[in-house]
Amino acid sequence: MGLQDKSEASDMSDLSDMSDLSGKVAVVTGAASGIGLALTERFAAEGLSVVMADVEEARLSEEATRLGQGGADVLAVLCDVSRPDDIAALAEQTLSHYGAVHILCNNAGVGPGGPMLATTPADWQWTVGVNLLGVAYGVTTFAPLMVAQGSGHIVNTASEAGLVTTSLLGMYCATKHAVVGLSEALYRELEGTGVGVSVLCPNLVRTNIFTSERNRPDGSPLSAAENAAMAPLREMLDAAGMAPADVATTVLDAVRAKRFWVFTHPVTLPAALVRFEDLQGRRNPTDPYGPPRGAQGPQ
């Protein structure tokens, strides 16, 4: 199928029916590894064309080549989501190559850890730039295209850390909470347009999120203290993390059902509700994975 034929096929597909995804076009950021790669693989298996966007050029090229050789229709685009010009170029290449976009997964993210009191302005600029502004730029660039065509679906990757906090991941929690808020507001804004919104809030998944320093803009390695803080998190991922492919299946089901909240683990909802129990009880914040509140004495 040539370029013109692909565009015509996208234009002629039933855009309003998200239950039948064959022939549609998905854009996935952070697509070279982890959840993004699993989403790409699952979408391709469902007959979608996938635009794979990532900042890791060598890994992106390797995975796109592998998938292409296996018969998937993929387009690799080098993209730093913290740069609005890169997101604009991503949209331009998507439309030039495929003529439309039906699913957008704002999935790229970084997960630096350690005490907030040890962070620097550069740490915050990097984390906010990727985790929050990357989502915002994706939304403001692609959502108008979907609204104009009358349908589509946006999946924003937050985290359980967008609903539950931990002292080891202050910056990460702050940005992921922001993604949840952005996504809820976007859902309300797009009601009635035919464009759906989901927010993905996974618990532990076996990805490279806790080795994100490999993509720091200045290329600096973790300090000994940072490595010590991250080591337990990496061990938990290795020991108990869900397979990214299982997350991709959950996301696909949510897109088809037009479901907003996308949880991957049964512990997430009870943990998130602890905040509201604290609010109702006028308590200071409780650790949802800590000792039972009754063992802590009066608040």
Foldseek 3Di string as FASTA:
>chain_A
DDQVVLQVQQLPDDLLQLLQLASAEEEFEPLLWFLNVLLLVVSQVSHYEYEYEYQPVVSQVVSVVVVVVVPGRYHYAYADLLDLVRLLVSVVVCCSRRVAHAEYELEDAAFFWAAPVPDDPLVLSNRCSRLASSLVSNCVNRVVRQLVSQAHEYEYEAALLLQAPDRTGVSNSVSSVNSVVVQVVVQVVCPPSHYFYAYEHEYQAQICRLCRCCPRPVSDHDDPNRCVSSVVVNVCNVPPHHYSNQLSVQVSVCSSVSNHYGYDDPVSVQQSCQVVVCVVVVHDDDRSPDDPPVVPDDD
